Structures are given as C-alpha cells and as structure tokens.
C-alpha cells in the first residue's frame, strides 16, 4: 500500500490528517505538482485525472479521491470513528463534511486558482486546460466570506462542525479555512467562535501531518 501525495497541496492534506487521527502510517510517494509531474505519462498511468491524493492498495486497486480514501480507512480501522458512530450520526457528519467541501474548500479553490498566475491555463484541477476567469475569482471570494460567517454561526452552538466530536467535517473545514488564507481571505477577528475552533483544531497533532 502507498499514498501518492504532495506535501504542499490541500487535498492530500485531508488524507494525511485523517490518517494521523487514526494513528495509521502509510508509505507515501511525493508527486511534484509545481514541476508538472502529475501531467506526465507515468503519473497519468496511475491516475488519468492528474490529481493527488491517490491510494494504491496491495492488490493494485487505486482510489483517487480524498474522501473515498478516508472512507476506505474508516471501514478498515473503525476507531476512532471520524465519519459517525451510527446511521444517524454518519448522515449528519456526511452533511457537514459535504457543506464544508462545497461552500468552503471549493470556494477557496475557485478564488485561488482563478487569480494565481501559476494556474493561468489550469484554473481547474485535472488534465485539461481551462483559462482563468477573473469573475470566478471574485465569486469565490464572496463565497468564502459567506462560508466563514456561516461556519462561525454553526460553531456558536456546536463544539465541532458536525456536533460534539471531532470528525472529517472538521478536517475539511480546517483545510478550507487555511486554503482561503492562501487567497488572503483570513477570518475576521469578529468571528470569535470560528477563531476559537480554528485555534483548537490547529493545535491537534494531526494538523501538522
């Protein structure tokens, strides 16, 4: 088993944090995204979508999706549960994880990739070229601002994103907030609940994974 990773990229960080919370060590292969290694024939043979992370199992099966990889490890290593303990909790965690991904992570990506010169012809991840659209960068910034406000409101009456326990929803939300910082969209001082939560989850050892 091995994990195709990139230490500087936000998507594989989600998997590394999940593994760290589980106490699981997996050998990694670093993929040089800045150097364009993901677009080489050799890597496209591993993942035609030219993205990381990719988990390769011992039998050759490959999972090329961060949440899919986390689902694999959640099933194989049940403790501590990061996707919910029972059917109801699993549904709630999935809801909040998806919200953090859609309204936070994807919004930050929209803002960052449509404004950063390095992504001039790759405004979307993957093998195909897409030109940046400045209006999408603006929309992404507006979406991030709303996400931060709504996250603060949620954390005003919940210790963690999906409820009283730390879950994959917190991992996704943390990475969304940190990713937004790359686009210079840091939470305002006024969002006290978000800042309390962010300080706590950032202090967990898994945040350094």
Protein backbone atom coordinates (compact mmCIF):
# COMPACT_ATOMS: atom_id res chain seq x y z
CA UNK A 1 0.00 0.00 0.00
CA UNK A 2 1.17 3.53 -0.75
CA UNK A 3 -0.23 7.03 -0.94
CA UNK A 4 0.63 9.36 -3.78
CA UNK A 5 0.91 12.68 -2.03
CA UNK A 6 2.10 16.27 -2.34
CA UNK A 7 3.15 17.83 0.95
CA UNK A 8 2.21 21.36 -0.11
CA UNK A 9 -1.25 20.63 -1.58
CA UNK A 10 -4.50 20.94 0.41
CA UNK A 11 -6.34 17.89 -0.97
CA UNK A 12 -3.86 15.22 0.16
CA UNK A 13 -3.51 17.03 3.48
CA UNK A 14 -7.07 15.94 4.22
CA UNK A 15 -5.98 12.32 3.97
CA UNK A 16 -2.80 12.83 5.99
CA UNK A 17 -4.79 14.45 8.79
CA UNK A 18 -7.36 11.66 8.72
CA UNK A 19 -4.62 9.03 8.94
CA UNK A 20 -2.90 10.91 11.76
CA UNK A 21 -6.15 11.00 13.78
CA UNK A 22 -6.47 7.24 13.23
CA UNK A 23 -2.84 6.60 14.13
CA UNK A 24 -2.17 4.94 10.76
CA UNK A 25 1.13 5.19 8.90
CA UNK A 26 1.16 4.67 5.13
CA UNK A 27 4.23 4.96 2.89
CA UNK A 28 4.00 7.99 0.64
CA UNK A 29 5.26 8.89 -2.82
CA UNK A 30 5.67 12.63 -3.30
CA UNK A 31 4.36 13.98 -6.61
CA UNK A 32 5.91 17.27 -7.75
CA UNK A 33 2.81 19.27 -8.68
CA UNK A 34 4.72 22.50 -9.16
CA UNK A 35 7.00 20.77 -11.60
CA UNK A 36 4.06 19.28 -13.50
CA UNK A 37 4.77 15.64 -12.63
CA UNK A 38 1.02 14.99 -12.43
CA UNK A 39 0.77 15.57 -16.20
CA UNK A 40 3.47 13.08 -17.17
CA UNK A 41 2.58 9.83 -18.91
CA UNK A 42 3.96 7.91 -15.95
CA UNK A 43 1.62 9.55 -13.45
CA UNK A 44 -1.37 9.57 -15.81
CA UNK A 45 -0.98 5.79 -15.92
CA UNK A 46 -1.60 5.87 -12.16
CA UNK A 47 -4.38 8.47 -12.25
CA UNK A 48 -5.65 9.73 -15.63
CA UNK A 49 -7.24 12.67 -13.81
CA UNK A 50 -3.75 14.00 -12.97
CA UNK A 51 -4.58 14.73 -9.32
CA UNK A 52 -3.48 13.69 -5.86
CA UNK A 53 -4.10 12.03 -3.49
CA UNK A 54 -4.18 8.50 -4.84
CA UNK A 55 -4.17 5.44 -2.58
CA UNK A 56 -2.77 2.30 -4.18
CA UNK A 57 -3.66 -0.92 -2.35
CA UNK A 58 -1.53 -4.04 -2.30
CA UNK A 59 -3.70 -5.70 -4.94
CA UNK A 60 -3.25 -2.77 -7.32
CA UNK A 61 -6.62 -1.14 -6.65
CA UNK A 62 -6.37 2.64 -6.74
CA UNK A 63 -8.64 5.19 -5.03
CA UNK A 64 -8.16 8.68 -6.47
CA UNK A 65 -10.42 10.72 -4.21
CA UNK A 66 -9.65 12.18 -0.77
CA UNK A 67 -12.98 11.32 0.82
CA UNK A 68 -13.01 7.91 -0.86
CA UNK A 69 -9.62 7.18 0.66
CA UNK A 70 -10.84 8.30 4.07
CA UNK A 71 -13.90 6.07 3.70
CA UNK A 72 -11.61 3.11 3.00
CA UNK A 73 -9.63 3.72 6.20
CA UNK A 74 -12.76 4.42 8.24
CA UNK A 75 -14.10 0.99 7.29
CA UNK A 76 -10.78 -0.80 7.77
CA UNK A 77 -9.91 0.95 11.06
CA UNK A 78 -13.09 1.86 12.93
CA UNK A 79 -11.52 3.62 15.91
CA UNK A 80 -11.64 6.46 16.47
CA UNK A 81 -14.72 6.98 14.29
CA UNK A 82 -14.33 10.11 12.16
CA UNK A 83 -17.40 9.64 9.96
CA UNK A 84 -20.01 8.92 12.64
CA UNK A 85 -20.78 6.09 15.06
CA UNK A 86 -24.26 5.11 13.89
CA UNK A 87 -26.53 5.68 10.89
CA UNK A 88 -27.91 9.00 12.12
CA UNK A 89 -24.51 10.38 13.09
CA UNK A 90 -22.99 9.22 9.83
CA UNK A 91 -25.67 11.11 7.92
CA UNK A 92 -25.07 14.28 9.91
CA UNK A 93 -21.30 14.08 9.51
CA UNK A 94 -21.66 13.47 5.77
CA UNK A 95 -23.93 16.50 5.50
CA UNK A 96 -21.50 18.85 7.24
CA UNK A 97 -18.46 17.39 5.50
CA UNK A 98 -20.11 17.97 2.14
CA UNK A 99 -21.08 21.51 3.13
CA UNK A 100 -17.51 22.35 4.20
CA UNK A 101 -16.21 20.89 0.95
CA UNK A 102 -18.73 22.60 -1.34
CA UNK A 103 -19.08 26.02 0.29
CA UNK A 104 -15.60 26.25 1.80
CA UNK A 105 -12.95 24.17 0.07
CA UNK A 106 -14.34 24.55 -3.46
CA UNK A 107 -14.99 28.27 -2.95
CA UNK A 108 -11.40 28.80 -1.80
CA UNK A 109 -10.16 26.83 -4.80
CA UNK A 110 -12.30 28.95 -7.13
CA UNK A 111 -10.86 32.16 -5.65
CA UNK A 112 -7.26 30.95 -5.60
CA UNK A 113 -6.95 29.14 -8.92
CA UNK A 114 -8.70 31.86 -10.92
CA UNK A 115 -6.36 34.58 -9.63
CA UNK A 116 -2.95 32.94 -9.16
CA UNK A 117 -0.61 33.36 -12.16
CA UNK A 118 0.74 29.80 -11.84
CA UNK A 119 -2.73 28.49 -12.76
CA UNK A 120 -3.29 30.77 -15.74
CA UNK A 121 -4.18 27.84 -18.01
CA UNK A 122 -5.19 25.38 -15.27
CA UNK A 123 -7.96 27.14 -13.39
CA UNK A 124 -9.47 23.74 -12.62
CA UNK A 125 -7.57 20.67 -11.37
CA UNK A 126 -7.22 17.82 -13.83
CA UNK A 127 -5.59 17.06 -17.16
CA UNK A 128 -7.47 19.63 -19.26
CA UNK A 129 -6.58 23.28 -19.73
CA UNK A 130 -9.06 25.91 -18.58
CA UNK A 131 -8.28 29.63 -18.68
CA UNK A 132 -8.77 31.70 -15.56
CA UNK A 133 -11.98 33.71 -15.28
CA UNK A 134 -11.50 36.80 -13.07
CA UNK A 135 -15.22 36.93 -12.29
CA UNK A 136 -15.00 33.46 -10.79
CA UNK A 137 -12.17 34.63 -8.53
CA UNK A 138 -14.45 37.40 -7.29
CA UNK A 139 -17.32 34.99 -6.82
CA UNK A 140 -15.04 32.60 -4.94
CA UNK A 141 -14.01 35.36 -2.55
CA UNK A 142 -17.65 36.23 -1.90
CA UNK A 143 -18.46 32.56 -1.30
CA UNK A 144 -15.57 32.20 1.14
CA UNK A 145 -16.72 35.24 3.11
CA UNK A 146 -20.18 33.73 3.50
CA UNK A 147 -18.73 30.34 4.39
CA UNK A 148 -16.65 31.87 7.18
CA UNK A 149 -19.67 33.70 8.57
CA UNK A 150 -21.85 30.59 8.48
CA UNK A 151 -19.11 28.44 9.97
CA UNK A 152 -18.80 30.94 12.83
CA UNK A 153 -22.57 30.78 13.38
CA UNK A 154 -22.52 26.99 13.42
CA UNK A 155 -19.67 26.92 15.90
CA UNK A 156 -21.55 29.30 18.14
CA UNK A 157 -23.67 26.39 19.33
CA UNK A 158 -21.55 23.35 18.45
CA UNK A 159 -18.08 22.50 19.74
CA UNK A 160 -17.12 20.95 16.42
CA UNK A 161 -18.53 21.31 12.92
CA UNK A 162 -20.75 18.21 12.92
CA UNK A 163 -21.51 18.09 16.65
CA UNK A 164 -19.78 17.33 19.95
CA UNK A 165 -16.97 15.22 18.45
CA UNK A 166 -14.12 15.93 16.04
CA UNK A 167 -14.82 14.40 12.60
CA UNK A 168 -13.82 14.55 8.96
CA UNK A 169 -16.04 17.64 8.72
CA UNK A 170 -13.55 19.48 10.94
CA UNK A 171 -10.67 18.30 8.78
CA UNK A 172 -12.33 19.59 5.61
CA UNK A 173 -13.38 22.86 7.23
CA UNK A 174 -9.91 23.49 8.67
CA UNK A 175 -8.26 22.92 5.33
CA UNK A 176 -10.87 25.14 3.65
CA UNK A 177 -10.11 27.97 6.09
CA UNK A 178 -6.35 27.53 5.68
CA UNK A 179 -6.68 27.27 1.88
CA UNK A 180 -8.70 30.50 1.88
CA UNK A 181 -5.75 32.11 3.61
CA UNK A 182 -3.68 31.40 0.50
CA UNK A 183 -6.06 33.77 -1.31
CA UNK A 184 -5.62 36.29 1.54
CA UNK A 185 -9.09 35.56 2.90
CA UNK A 186 -8.47 35.07 6.60
CA UNK A 187 -11.31 35.02 9.14
CA UNK A 188 -12.03 38.46 10.61
CA UNK A 189 -11.31 38.99 14.29
CA UNK A 190 -15.05 39.41 14.83
CA UNK A 191 -15.70 35.71 14.11
CA UNK A 192 -14.86 34.64 17.65
CA UNK A 193 -16.43 31.18 17.52
CA UNK A 194 -14.55 30.29 14.35
CA UNK A 195 -11.29 31.56 15.77
CA UNK A 196 -11.80 29.54 18.98
CA UNK A 197 -12.42 26.38 16.95
CA UNK A 198 -9.60 27.08 14.49
CA UNK A 199 -7.11 27.53 17.29
CA UNK A 200 -8.18 24.26 18.89
CA UNK A 201 -8.17 22.07 15.81
CA UNK A 202 -4.92 23.64 14.55
CA UNK A 203 -3.27 22.65 17.84
CA UNK A 204 -4.09 18.96 17.32
CA UNK A 205 -1.03 16.93 16.24
CA UNK A 206 -2.88 15.83 13.09
CA UNK A 207 -2.95 19.42 11.81
CA UNK A 208 0.81 19.16 11.29
CA UNK A 209 0.55 15.98 9.22
